[in-house]
Amino acid sequence: MPGLLLHYGALMMCAHPPGLVTIPAPVQQRVRVGANPVATSADVFLVAGCGFPATVPGAPPCTSVTWLHTSTRVLVGGLPVLLQPTPPVSLAPAIGVGTPPPNPPMVQAVQPRVRGM
């Protein structure tokens, strides 16, 4: 399934606002879209400020995100790039880790020009 290449600096939130999803340090720095490195399957997504514990006392907050949609044709350094299949604002093909049940994060903004398969 084709999609937009995800990149370091894309604006994402966990399913429980105001949780911000970020890639603290991109694994690769050479391949870029615009000025931002492309995200690969080796990148780790962390969540800061998940609002889930505030709505359900004693519940664990979202701590990280596992991306599920990777490219089959576009590789960077031998690793598949991550794809966002629909234009933002939309659910990501990913699941939040830490909360029962896992919820997909929301992608607010991503580069609109480069697509992959």
PDB file of N, CA and C in Angstrom:
ATOM      1  N   MET A   1       0.844  -1.176   0.000  1.00  0.00           N
ATOM      2  CA  MET A   1       0.000   0.000   0.000  1.00  0.00           C
ATOM      3  C   MET A   1       0.891   1.242   0.000  1.00  0.00           C
ATOM      4  N   PRO A   2       0.692   2.170  -0.924  1.00  0.00           N
ATOM      5  CA  PRO A   2       1.515   3.380  -0.980  1.00  0.00           C
ATOM      6  C   PRO A   2       1.186   4.330   0.168  1.00  0.00           C
ATOM      7  N   GLY A   3       2.128   5.221   0.432  1.00  0.00           N
ATOM      8  CA  GLY A   3       1.907   6.210   1.470  1.00  0.00           C
ATOM      9  C   GLY A   3       2.999   7.262   1.462  1.00  0.00           C
ATOM     10  N   LEU A   4       2.801   8.282   2.257  1.00  0.00           N
ATOM     11  CA  LEU A   4       3.787   9.350   2.397  1.00  0.00           C
ATOM     12  C   LEU A   4       4.917   8.880   3.298  1.00  0.00           C
ATOM     13  N   LEU A   5       6.157   9.232   2.951  1.00  0.00           N
ATOM     14  CA  LEU A   5       7.289   8.871   3.793  1.00  0.00           C
ATOM     15  C   LEU A   5       7.223   9.664   5.089  1.00  0.00           C
ATOM     16  N   LEU A   6       7.318   8.951   6.195  1.00  0.00           N
ATOM     17  CA  LEU A   6       7.329   9.588   7.510  1.00  0.00           C
ATOM     18  C   LEU A   6       8.742  10.092   7.777  1.00  0.00           C
ATOM     19  N   HIS A   7       8.853  11.162   8.524  1.00  0.00           N
ATOM     20  CA  HIS A   7      10.164  11.760   8.769  1.00  0.00           C
ATOM     21  C   HIS A   7      10.306  12.225  10.206  1.00  0.00           C
ATOM     22  N   TYR A   8      11.554  12.430  10.598  1.00  0.00           N
ATOM     23  CA  TYR A   8      11.867  13.018  11.891  1.00  0.00           C
ATOM     24  C   TYR A   8      11.262  14.428  11.905  1.00  0.00           C
ATOM     25  N   GLY A   9      10.529  14.740  12.928  1.00  0.00           N
ATOM     26  CA  GLY A   9       9.912  16.056  13.010  1.00  0.00           C
ATOM     27  C   GLY A   9       8.451  16.076  12.591  1.00  0.00           C
ATOM     28  N   ALA A  10       7.904  14.946  12.125  1.00  0.00           N
ATOM     29  CA  ALA A  10       6.473  14.898  11.807  1.00  0.00           C
ATOM     30  C   ALA A  10       5.697  15.129  13.102  1.00  0.00           C
ATOM     31  N   LEU A  11       4.595  15.836  13.028  1.00  0.00           N
ATOM     32  CA  LEU A  11       3.801  16.154  14.207  1.00  0.00           C
ATOM     33  C   LEU A  11       2.798  15.038  14.464  1.00  0.00           C
ATOM     34  N   MET A  12       2.959  14.350  15.622  1.00  0.00           N
ATOM     35  CA  MET A  12       2.075  13.245  15.985  1.00  0.00           C
ATOM     36  C   MET A  12       1.682  13.364  17.448  1.00  0.00           C
ATOM     37  N   MET A  13       0.470  12.884  17.759  1.00  0.00           N
ATOM     38  CA  MET A  13      -0.016  12.863  19.141  1.00  0.00           C
ATOM     39  C   MET A  13      -0.517  11.462  19.447  1.00  0.00           C
ATOM     40  N   CYS A  14      -0.364  11.044  20.723  1.00  0.00           N
ATOM     41  CA  CYS A  14      -0.936   9.752  21.095  1.00  0.00           C
ATOM     42  C   CYS A  14      -2.460   9.913  21.134  1.00  0.00           C
ATOM     43  N   ALA A  15      -3.158   8.822  21.316  1.00  0.00           N
ATOM     44  CA  ALA A  15      -4.620   8.847  21.293  1.00  0.00           C
ATOM     45  C   ALA A  15      -5.218   9.581  22.488  1.00  0.00           C
ATOM     46  N   HIS A  16      -4.395   9.980  23.439  1.00  0.00           N
ATOM     47  CA  HIS A  16      -4.862  10.646  24.653  1.00  0.00           C
ATOM     48  C   HIS A  16      -4.178  12.002  24.784  1.00  0.00           C
ATOM     49  N   PRO A  17      -4.723  13.047  24.174  1.00  0.00           N
ATOM     50  CA  PRO A  17      -4.081  14.362  24.215  1.00  0.00           C
ATOM     51  C   PRO A  17      -3.788  14.781  25.645  1.00  0.00           C
ATOM     52  N   PRO A  18      -2.741  15.519  25.854  1.00  0.00           N
ATOM     53  CA  PRO A  18      -1.835  16.177  24.915  1.00  0.00           C
ATOM     54  C   PRO A  18      -0.573  15.390  24.629  1.00  0.00           C
ATOM     55  N   GLY A  19      -0.607  14.067  24.655  1.00  0.00           N
ATOM     56  CA  GLY A  19       0.595  13.244  24.458  1.00  0.00           C
ATOM     57  C   GLY A  19       1.270  13.486  23.123  1.00  0.00           C
ATOM     58  N   LEU A  20       2.519  13.870  23.153  1.00  0.00           N
ATOM     59  CA  LEU A  20       3.286  14.172  21.945  1.00  0.00           C
ATOM     60  C   LEU A  20       4.175  12.988  21.609  1.00  0.00           C
ATOM     61  N   VAL A  21       4.111  12.515  20.368  1.00  0.00           N
ATOM     62  CA  VAL A  21       4.916  11.391  19.906  1.00  0.00           C
ATOM     63  C   VAL A  21       6.104  11.945  19.137  1.00  0.00           C
ATOM     64  N   THR A  22       7.318  11.540  19.529  1.00  0.00           N
ATOM     65  CA  THR A  22       8.524  12.030  18.868  1.00  0.00           C
ATOM     66  C   THR A  22       9.513  10.896  18.633  1.00  0.00           C
ATOM     67  N   ILE A  23      10.416  11.133  17.694  1.00  0.00           N
ATOM     68  CA  ILE A  23      11.585  10.274  17.497  1.00  0.00           C
ATOM     69  C   ILE A  23      12.734  11.057  18.118  1.00  0.00           C
ATOM     70  N   PRO A  24      13.254  10.634  19.278  1.00  0.00           N
ATOM     71  CA  PRO A  24      14.285  11.434  19.936  1.00  0.00           C
ATOM     72  C   PRO A  24      15.568  11.578  19.125  1.00  0.00           C
ATOM     73  N   ALA A  25      16.007  10.521  18.465  1.00  0.00           N
ATOM     74  CA  ALA A  25      17.237  10.577  17.664  1.00  0.00           C
ATOM     75  C   ALA A  25      17.070   9.663  16.460  1.00  0.00           C
ATOM     76  N   PRO A  26      16.970  10.237  15.249  1.00  0.00           N
ATOM     77  CA  PRO A  26      16.806   9.407  14.063  1.00  0.00           C
ATOM     78  C   PRO A  26      18.007   8.472  13.877  1.00  0.00           C
ATOM     79  N   VAL A  27      17.741   7.233  13.461  1.00  0.00           N
ATOM     80  CA  VAL A  27      18.805   6.254  13.265  1.00  0.00           C
ATOM     81  C   VAL A  27      19.703   6.654  12.101  1.00  0.00           C
ATOM     82  N   GLN A  28      19.116   7.110  11.020  1.00  0.00           N
ATOM     83  CA  GLN A  28      19.919   7.504   9.866  1.00  0.00           C
ATOM     84  C   GLN A  28      19.773   9.000   9.624  1.00  0.00           C
ATOM     85  N   GLN A  29      20.824   9.632   9.115  1.00  0.00           N
ATOM     86  CA  GLN A  29      20.835  11.084   8.885  1.00  0.00           C
ATOM     87  C   GLN A  29      21.060  11.457   7.422  1.00  0.00           C
ATOM     88  N   ARG A  30      21.340  10.477   6.562  1.00  0.00           N
ATOM     89  CA  ARG A  30      21.761  10.797   5.197  1.00  0.00           C
ATOM     90  C   ARG A  30      20.609  11.070   4.239  1.00  0.00           C
ATOM     91  N   VAL A  31      19.541  10.266   4.302  1.00  0.00           N
ATOM     92  CA  VAL A  31      18.420  10.416   3.368  1.00  0.00           C
ATOM     93  C   VAL A  31      17.385  11.323   4.023  1.00  0.00           C
ATOM     94  N   ARG A  32      17.034  12.388   3.301  1.00  0.00           N
ATOM     95  CA  ARG A  32      16.143  13.398   3.878  1.00  0.00           C
ATOM     96  C   ARG A  32      14.998  13.731   2.930  1.00  0.00           C
ATOM     97  N   VAL A  33      13.895  14.167   3.521  1.00  0.00           N
ATOM     98  CA  VAL A  33      12.810  14.788   2.768  1.00  0.00           C
ATOM     99  C   VAL A  33      12.746  16.207   3.294  1.00  0.00           C
ATOM    100  N   GLY A  34      12.971  17.153   2.399  1.00  0.00           N
ATOM    101  CA  GLY A  34      13.135  18.525   2.874  1.00  0.00           C
ATOM    102  C   GLY A  34      14.412  18.582   3.691  1.00  0.00           C
ATOM    103  N   ALA A  35      14.319  19.048   4.910  1.00  0.00           N
ATOM    104  CA  ALA A  35      15.487  19.126   5.791  1.00  0.00           C
ATOM    105  C   ALA A  35      15.494  18.035   6.852  1.00  0.00           C
ATOM    106  N   ASN A  36      14.509  17.142   6.811  1.00  0.00           N
ATOM    107  CA  ASN A  36      14.341  16.156   7.874  1.00  0.00           C
ATOM    108  C   ASN A  36      14.733  14.754   7.437  1.00  0.00           C
ATOM    109  N   PRO A  37      15.431  13.996   8.318  1.00  0.00           N
ATOM    110  CA  PRO A  37      15.769  12.612   7.993  1.00  0.00           C
ATOM    111  C   PRO A  37      14.506  11.745   7.885  1.00  0.00           C
ATOM    112  N   VAL A  38      14.527  10.797   6.957  1.00  0.00           N
ATOM    113  CA  VAL A  38      13.421   9.859   6.766  1.00  0.00           C
ATOM    114  C   VAL A  38      13.426   8.861   7.924  1.00  0.00           C
ATOM    115  N   ALA A  39      12.247   8.500   8.425  1.00  0.00           N
ATOM    116  CA  ALA A  39      12.129   7.526   9.513  1.00  0.00           C
ATOM    117  C   ALA A  39      12.166   6.116   8.941  1.00  0.00           C
ATOM    118  N   THR A  40      12.884   5.225   9.625  1.00  0.00           N
ATOM    119  CA  THR A  40      12.982   3.833   9.202  1.00  0.00           C
ATOM    120  C   THR A  40      12.422   2.921  10.295  1.00  0.00           C
ATOM    121  N   SER A  41      12.366   1.636   9.993  1.00  0.00           N
ATOM    122  CA  SER A  41      11.832   0.679  10.956  1.00  0.00           C
ATOM    123  C   SER A  41      12.696   0.557  12.206  1.00  0.00           C
ATOM    124  N   ALA A  42      13.921   1.070  12.181  1.00  0.00           N
ATOM    125  CA  ALA A  42      14.803   1.012  13.349  1.00  0.00           C
ATOM    126  C   ALA A  42      14.567   2.177  14.318  1.00  0.00           C
ATOM    127  N   ASP A  43      13.803   3.183  13.910  1.00  0.00           N
ATOM    128  CA  ASP A  43      13.559   4.339  14.777  1.00  0.00           C
ATOM    129  C   ASP A  43      12.612   3.987  15.918  1.00  0.00           C
ATOM    130  N   VAL A  44      12.843   4.623  17.052  1.00  0.00           N
ATOM    131  CA  VAL A  44      12.029   4.418  18.249  1.00  0.00           C
ATOM    132  C   VAL A  44      11.170   5.661  18.454  1.00  0.00           C
ATOM    133  N   PHE A  45       9.868   5.458  18.666  1.00  0.00           N
ATOM    134  CA  PHE A  45       8.938   6.556  18.910  1.00  0.00           C
ATOM    135  C   PHE A  45       8.596   6.590  20.394  1.00  0.00           C
ATOM    136  N   LEU A  46       8.785   7.735  21.031  1.00  0.00           N
ATOM    137  CA  LEU A  46       8.462   7.892  22.448  1.00  0.00           C
ATOM    138  C   LEU A  46       7.291   8.842  22.617  1.00  0.00           C
ATOM    139  N   VAL A  47       6.524   8.642  23.681  1.00  0.00           N
ATOM    140  CA  VAL A  47       5.357   9.477  23.974  1.00  0.00           C
ATOM    141  C   VAL A  47       5.634  10.265  25.247  1.00  0.00           C
ATOM    142  N   ALA A  48       5.389  11.562  25.200  1.00  0.00           N
ATOM    143  CA  ALA A  48       5.538  12.419  26.378  1.00  0.00           C
ATOM    144  C   ALA A  48       4.211  13.103  26.665  1.00  0.00           C
ATOM    145  N   GLY A  49       3.762  13.043  27.904  1.00  0.00           N
ATOM    146  CA  GLY A  49       2.562  13.759  28.314  1.00  0.00           C
ATOM    147  C   GLY A  49       1.258  13.089  27.974  1.00  0.00           C
ATOM    148  N   CYS A  50       1.214  11.771  27.937  1.00  0.00           N
ATOM    149  CA  CYS A  50      -0.035  11.051  27.644  1.00  0.00           C
ATOM    150  C   CYS A  50      -1.089  11.413  28.682  1.00  0.00           C
ATOM    151  N   GLY A  51      -2.306  11.725  28.230  1.00  0.00           N
ATOM    152  CA  GLY A  51      -3.390  12.122  29.117  1.00  0.00           C
ATOM    153  C   GLY A  51      -4.231  10.974  29.637  1.00  0.00           C
ATOM    154  N   PHE A  52      -3.875   9.720  29.305  1.00  0.00           N
ATOM    155  CA  PHE A  52      -4.696   8.581  29.718  1.00  0.00           C
ATOM    156  C   PHE A  52      -4.798   8.416  31.230  1.00  0.00           C
ATOM    157  N   PRO A  53      -3.699   8.547  32.015  1.00  0.00           N
ATOM    158  CA  PRO A  53      -3.829   8.373  33.463  1.00  0.00           C
ATOM    159  C   PRO A  53      -4.785   9.379  34.100  1.00  0.00           C
ATOM    160  N   ALA A  54      -4.928  10.556  33.501  1.00  0.00           N
ATOM    161  CA  ALA A  54      -5.822  11.573  34.056  1.00  0.00           C
ATOM    162  C   ALA A  54      -7.287  11.171  33.896  1.00  0.00           C
ATOM    163  N   THR A  55      -7.601  10.420  32.835  1.00  0.00           N
ATOM    164  CA  THR A  55      -8.989  10.028  32.595  1.00  0.00           C
ATOM    165  C   THR A  55      -9.348   8.727  33.302  1.00  0.00           C
ATOM    166  N   VAL A  56      -8.368   7.845  33.515  1.00  0.00           N
ATOM    167  CA  VAL A  56      -8.595   6.571  34.194  1.00  0.00           C
ATOM    168  C   VAL A  56      -7.529   6.423  35.286  1.00  0.00           C
ATOM    169  N   PRO A  57      -7.850   6.737  36.527  1.00  0.00           N
ATOM    170  CA  PRO A  57      -6.851   6.670  37.592  1.00  0.00           C
ATOM    171  C   PRO A  57      -6.242   5.274  37.733  1.00  0.00           C
ATOM    172  N   GLY A  58      -4.918   5.239  37.902  1.00  0.00           N
ATOM    173  CA  GLY A  58      -4.209   3.982  38.074  1.00  0.00           C
ATOM    174  C   GLY A  58      -3.834   3.279  36.785  1.00  0.00           C
ATOM    175  N   ALA A  59      -4.286   3.781  35.637  1.00  0.00           N
ATOM    176  CA  ALA A  59      -3.958   3.164  34.351  1.00  0.00           C
ATOM    177  C   ALA A  59      -2.589   3.647  33.884  1.00  0.00           C
ATOM    178  N   PRO A  60      -1.823   2.798  33.204  1.00  0.00           N
ATOM    179  CA  PRO A  60      -0.509   3.232  32.723  1.00  0.00           C
ATOM    180  C   PRO A  60      -0.650   4.151  31.511  1.00  0.00           C
ATOM    181  N   PRO A  61       0.217   5.140  31.383  1.00  0.00           N
ATOM    182  CA  PRO A  61       0.172   6.029  30.212  1.00  0.00           C
ATOM    183  C   PRO A  61       0.824   5.376  28.996  1.00  0.00           C
ATOM    184  N   CYS A  62       0.582   5.954  27.823  1.00  0.00           N
ATOM    185  CA  CYS A  62       1.300   5.529  26.621  1.00  0.00           C
ATOM    186  C   CYS A  62       2.777   5.885  26.824  1.00  0.00           C
ATOM    187  N   THR A  63       3.663   4.975  26.473  1.00  0.00           N
ATOM    188  CA  THR A  63       5.089   5.235  26.644  1.00  0.00           C
ATOM    189  C   THR A  63       5.840   5.247  25.320  1.00  0.00           C
ATOM    190  N   SER A  64       5.379   4.466  24.360  1.00  0.00           N
ATOM    191  CA  SER A  64       6.032   4.411  23.061  1.00  0.00           C
ATOM    192  C   SER A  64       5.015   4.011  22.001  1.00  0.00           C
ATOM    193  N   VAL A  65       5.468   4.028  20.746  1.00  0.00           N
ATOM    194  CA  VAL A  65       4.611   3.686  19.612  1.00  0.00           C
ATOM    195  C   VAL A  65       5.351   2.679  18.743  1.00  0.00           C
ATOM    196  N   THR A  66       4.654   1.651  18.317  1.00  0.00           N
ATOM    197  CA  THR A  66       5.204   0.681  17.376  1.00  0.00           C
ATOM    198  C   THR A  66       4.548   0.910  16.024  1.00  0.00           C
ATOM    199  N   TRP A  67       5.370   1.239  15.011  1.00  0.00           N
ATOM    200  CA  TRP A  67       4.857   1.526  13.668  1.00  0.00           C
ATOM    201  C   TRP A  67       4.628   0.229  12.924  1.00  0.00           C
ATOM    202  N   LEU A  68       3.489   0.072  12.259  1.00  0.00           N
ATOM    203  CA  LEU A  68       3.119  -1.185  11.621  1.00  0.00           C
ATOM    204  C   LEU A  68       3.230  -1.167  10.097  1.00  0.00           C
ATOM    205  N   HIS A  69       3.245   0.012   9.480  1.00  0.00           N
ATOM    206  CA  HIS A  69       3.208   0.114   8.018  1.00  0.00           C
ATOM    207  C   HIS A  69       4.581   0.534   7.503  1.00  0.00           C
ATOM    208  N   THR A  70       5.323  -0.423   6.930  1.00  0.00           N
ATOM    209  CA  THR A  70       6.637  -0.111   6.376  1.00  0.00           C
ATOM    210  C   THR A  70       6.621  -0.340   4.871  1.00  0.00           C
ATOM    211  N   SER A  71       7.577   0.257   4.207  1.00  0.00           N
ATOM    212  CA  SER A  71       7.689   0.132   2.763  1.00  0.00           C
ATOM    213  C   SER A  71       8.262  -1.228   2.388  1.00  0.00           C
ATOM    214  N   THR A  72       7.782  -1.772   1.271  1.00  0.00           N
ATOM    215  CA  THR A  72       8.340  -3.021   0.748  1.00  0.00           C
ATOM    216  C   THR A  72       9.325  -2.751  -0.380  1.00  0.00           C
ATOM    217  N   ARG A  73       9.299  -1.549  -0.943  1.00  0.00           N
ATOM    218  CA  ARG A  73      10.152  -1.229  -2.089  1.00  0.00           C
ATOM    219  C   ARG A  73      11.203  -0.166  -1.803  1.00  0.00           C
ATOM    220  N   VAL A  74      10.978   0.683  -0.828  1.00  0.00           N
ATOM    221  CA  VAL A  74      11.914   1.767  -0.544  1.00  0.00           C
ATOM    222  C   VAL A  74      12.682   1.436   0.724  1.00  0.00           C
ATOM    223  N   LEU A  75      14.018   1.323   0.582  1.00  0.00           N
ATOM    224  CA  LEU A  75      14.882   1.023   1.717  1.00  0.00           C
ATOM    225  C   LEU A  75      15.892   2.141   1.897  1.00  0.00           C
ATOM    226  N   VAL A  76      16.252   2.416   3.133  1.00  0.00           N
ATOM    227  CA  VAL A  76      17.283   3.395   3.455  1.00  0.00           C
ATOM    228  C   VAL A  76      18.292   2.670   4.337  1.00  0.00           C
ATOM    229  N   GLY A  77      19.499   2.513   3.839  1.00  0.00           N
ATOM    230  CA  GLY A  77      20.510   1.781   4.585  1.00  0.00           C
ATOM    231  C   GLY A  77      20.101   0.349   4.858  1.00  0.00           C
ATOM    232  N   GLY A  78      19.331  -0.245   3.950  1.00  0.00           N
ATOM    233  CA  GLY A  78      18.876  -1.613   4.106  1.00  0.00           C
ATOM    234  C   GLY A  78      17.649  -1.772   4.986  1.00  0.00           C
ATOM    235  N   LEU A  79      17.123  -0.670   5.514  1.00  0.00           N
ATOM    236  CA  LEU A  79      15.936  -0.711   6.387  1.00  0.00           C
ATOM    237  C   LEU A  79      14.727  -0.129   5.670  1.00  0.00           C
ATOM    238  N   PRO A  80      13.540  -0.725   5.840  1.00  0.00           N
ATOM    239  CA  PRO A  80      12.341  -0.158   5.213  1.00  0.00           C
ATOM    240  C   PRO A  80      11.976   1.186   5.847  1.00  0.00           C
ATOM    241  N   VAL A  81      11.520   2.113   5.009  1.00  0.00           N
ATOM    242  CA  VAL A  81      11.056   3.406   5.521  1.00  0.00           C
ATOM    243  C   VAL A  81       9.638   3.241   6.055  1.00  0.00           C
ATOM    244  N   LEU A  82       9.221   4.169   6.914  1.00  0.00           N
ATOM    245  CA  LEU A  82       7.878   4.134   7.480  1.00  0.00           C
ATOM    246  C   LEU A  82       6.951   4.967   6.607  1.00  0.00           C
ATOM    247  N   LEU A  83       5.735   4.473   6.426  1.00  0.00           N
ATOM    248  CA  LEU A  83       4.770   5.132   5.550  1.00  0.00           C
ATOM    249  C   LEU A  83       3.510   5.514   6.312  1.00  0.00           C
ATOM    250  N   GLN A  84       2.952   6.654   5.953  1.00  0.00           N
ATOM    251  CA  GLN A  84       1.665   7.117   6.457  1.00  0.00           C
ATOM    252  C   GLN A  84       0.690   7.045   5.292  1.00  0.00           C
ATOM    253  N   PRO A  85      -0.254   6.080   5.285  1.00  0.00           N
ATOM    254  CA  PRO A  85      -1.049   5.826   4.090  1.00  0.00           C
ATOM    255  C   PRO A  85      -2.069   6.885   3.704  1.00  0.00           C
ATOM    256  N   THR A  86      -2.562   7.700   4.619  1.00  0.00           N
ATOM    257  CA  THR A  86      -3.553   8.702   4.254  1.00  0.00           C
ATOM    258  C   THR A  86      -3.064  10.081   4.663  1.00  0.00           C
ATOM    259  N   PRO A  87      -3.542  11.122   4.000  1.00  0.00           N
ATOM    260  CA  PRO A  87      -3.101  12.464   4.370  1.00  0.00           C
ATOM    261  C   PRO A  87      -3.487  12.806   5.805  1.00  0.00           C
ATOM    262  N   PRO A  88      -2.667  13.575   6.498  1.00  0.00           N
ATOM    263  CA  PRO A  88      -3.003  14.011   7.860  1.00  0.00           C
ATOM    264  C   PRO A  88      -4.205  14.932   7.818  1.00  0.00           C
ATOM    265  N   VAL A  89      -4.906  15.147   8.805  1.00  0.00           N
ATOM    266  CA  VAL A  89      -4.909  14.537  10.126  1.00  0.00           C
ATOM    267  C   VAL A  89      -5.582  13.178  10.018  1.00  0.00           C
ATOM    268  N   SER A  90      -4.873  12.108  10.459  1.00  0.00           N
ATOM    269  CA  SER A  90      -5.447  10.779  10.378  1.00  0.00           C
ATOM    270  C   SER A  90      -4.776   9.856  11.370  1.00  0.00           C
ATOM    271  N   LEU A  91      -5.403   8.707  11.575  1.00  0.00           N
ATOM    272  CA  LEU A  91      -4.815   7.695  12.434  1.00  0.00           C
ATOM    273  C   LEU A  91      -3.569   7.144  11.775  1.00  0.00           C
ATOM    274  N   ALA A  92      -2.567   6.854  12.575  1.00  0.00           N
ATOM    275  CA  ALA A  92      -1.344   6.264  12.058  1.00  0.00           C
ATOM    276  C   ALA A  92      -1.489   4.750  12.024  1.00  0.00           C
ATOM    277  N   PRO A  93      -0.778   4.107  11.108  1.00  0.00           N
ATOM    278  CA  PRO A  93      -0.777   2.646  11.094  1.00  0.00           C
ATOM    279  C   PRO A  93       0.200   2.151  12.157  1.00  0.00           C
ATOM    280  N   ALA A  94      -0.114   2.450  13.394  1.00  0.00           N
ATOM    281  CA  ALA A  94       0.768   2.150  14.521  1.00  0.00           C
ATOM    282  C   ALA A  94      -0.083   1.901  15.748  1.00  0.00           C
ATOM    283  N   ILE A  95       0.539   1.365  16.791  1.00  0.00           N
ATOM    284  CA  ILE A  95      -0.171   1.178  18.046  1.00  0.00           C
ATOM    285  C   ILE A  95       0.637   1.761  19.185  1.00  0.00           C
ATOM    286  N   GLY A  96      -0.079   2.342  20.146  1.00  0.00           N
ATOM    287  CA  GLY A  96       0.557   2.869  21.338  1.00  0.00           C
ATOM    288  C   GLY A  96       0.873   1.736  22.297  1.00  0.00           C
ATOM    289  N   VAL A  97       2.035   1.786  22.904  1.00  0.00           N
ATOM    290  CA  VAL A  97       2.456   0.753  23.845  1.00  0.00           C
ATOM    291  C   VAL A  97       2.355   1.310  25.253  1.00  0.00           C
ATOM    292  N   GLY A  98       1.775   0.562  26.139  1.00  0.00           N
ATOM    293  CA  GLY A  98       1.664   0.985  27.529  1.00  0.00           C
ATOM    294  C   GLY A  98       0.238   1.072  28.007  1.00  0.00           C
ATOM    295  N   THR A  99      -0.696   1.340  27.124  1.00  0.00           N
ATOM    296  CA  THR A  99      -2.084   1.460  27.549  1.00  0.00           C
ATOM    297  C   THR A  99      -2.889   0.249  27.097  1.00  0.00           C
ATOM    298  N   PRO A 100      -3.762  -0.255  27.940  1.00  0.00           N
ATOM    299  CA  PRO A 100      -4.685  -1.292  27.484  1.00  0.00           C
ATOM    300  C   PRO A 100      -6.004  -0.645  27.100  1.00  0.00           C
ATOM    301  N   PRO A 101      -6.599  -0.859  25.974  1.00  0.00           N
ATOM    302  CA  PRO A 101      -6.033  -1.519  24.803  1.00  0.00           C
ATOM    303  C   PRO A 101      -5.137  -0.556  24.038  1.00  0.00           C
ATOM    304  N   PRO A 102      -4.251  -1.058  23.165  1.00  0.00           N
ATOM    305  CA  PRO A 102      -3.378  -0.157  22.400  1.00  0.00           C
ATOM    306  C   PRO A 102      -4.185   0.674  21.411  1.00  0.00           C
ATOM    307  N   ASN A 103      -3.873   1.954  21.349  1.00  0.00           N
ATOM    308  CA  ASN A 103      -4.577   2.885  20.463  1.00  0.00           C
ATOM    309  C   ASN A 103      -3.608   3.491  19.464  1.00  0.00           C
ATOM    310  N   PRO A 104      -4.062   3.737  18.232  1.00  0.00           N
ATOM    311  CA  PRO A 104      -3.169   4.351  17.246  1.00  0.00           C
ATOM    312  C   PRO A 104      -2.980   5.837  17.515  1.00  0.00           C
ATOM    313  N   PRO A 105      -1.777   6.348  17.270  1.00  0.00           N
ATOM    314  CA  PRO A 105      -1.552   7.784  17.398  1.00  0.00           C
ATOM    315  C   PRO A 105      -2.174   8.542  16.226  1.00  0.00           C
ATOM    316  N   MET A 106      -2.313   9.834  16.381  1.00  0.00           N
ATOM    317  CA  MET A 106      -2.830  10.702  15.316  1.00  0.00           C
ATOM    318  C   MET A 106      -1.669  11.448  14.683  1.00  0.00           C
ATOM    319  N   VAL A 107      -1.567  11.394  13.354  1.00  0.00           N
ATOM    320  CA  VAL A 107      -0.547  12.147  12.632  1.00  0.00           C
ATOM    321  C   VAL A 107      -1.176  13.478  12.239  1.00  0.00           C
ATOM    322  N   GLN A 108      -0.615  14.559  12.732  1.00  0.00           N
ATOM    323  CA  GLN A 108      -1.146  15.895  12.477  1.00  0.00           C
ATOM    324  C   GLN A 108      -0.533  16.532  11.228  1.00  0.00           C
ATOM    325  N   ALA A 109       0.785  16.342  11.045  1.00  0.00           N
ATOM    326  CA  ALA A 109       1.470  16.953   9.903  1.00  0.00           C
ATOM    327  C   ALA A 109       2.658  16.098   9.495  1.00  0.00           C
ATOM    328  N   VAL A 110       2.775  15.862   8.203  1.00  0.00           N
ATOM    329  CA  VAL A 110       3.891  15.109   7.614  1.00  0.00           C
ATOM    330  C   VAL A 110       4.173  15.725   6.251  1.00  0.00           C
ATOM    331  N   GLN A 111       5.364  15.517   5.739  1.00  0.00           N
ATOM    332  CA  GLN A 111       5.698  16.092   4.419  1.00  0.00           C
ATOM    333  C   GLN A 111       4.751  15.521   3.364  1.00  0.00           C
ATOM    334  N   PRO A 112       4.249  16.347   2.441  1.00  0.00           N
ATOM    335  CA  PRO A 112       3.244  15.882   1.478  1.00  0.00           C
ATOM    336  C   PRO A 112       3.778  15.503   0.086  1.00  0.00           C
ATOM    337  N   ARG A 113       5.091  15.557  -0.137  1.00  0.00           N
ATOM    338  CA  ARG A 113       5.590  15.428  -1.501  1.00  0.00           C
ATOM    339  C   ARG A 113       6.126  14.059  -1.884  1.00  0.00           C
ATOM    340  N   VAL A 114       6.764  13.351  -0.947  1.00  0.00           N
ATOM    341  CA  VAL A 114       7.441  12.095  -1.302  1.00  0.00           C
ATOM    342  C   VAL A 114       6.615  10.903  -0.845  1.00  0.00           C
ATOM    343  N   ARG A 115       6.331  10.012  -1.808  1.00  0.00           N
ATOM    344  CA  ARG A 115       5.545   8.810  -1.524  1.00  0.00           C
ATOM    345  C   ARG A 115       6.395   7.576  -1.727  1.00  0.00           C
ATOM    346  N   GLY A 116       6.019   6.505  -1.076  1.00  0.00           N
ATOM    347  CA  GLY A 116       6.725   5.238  -1.246  1.00  0.00           C
ATOM    348  C   GLY A 116       5.732   4.098  -1.291  1.00  0.00           C
ATOM    349  N   MET A 117       6.250   2.927  -1.587  1.00  0.00           N
ATOM    350  CA  MET A 117       5.438   1.710  -1.628  1.00  0.00           C
ATOM    351  C   MET A 117       6.069   0.627  -0.806  1.00  0.00           C
TER     352      MET A 117
END
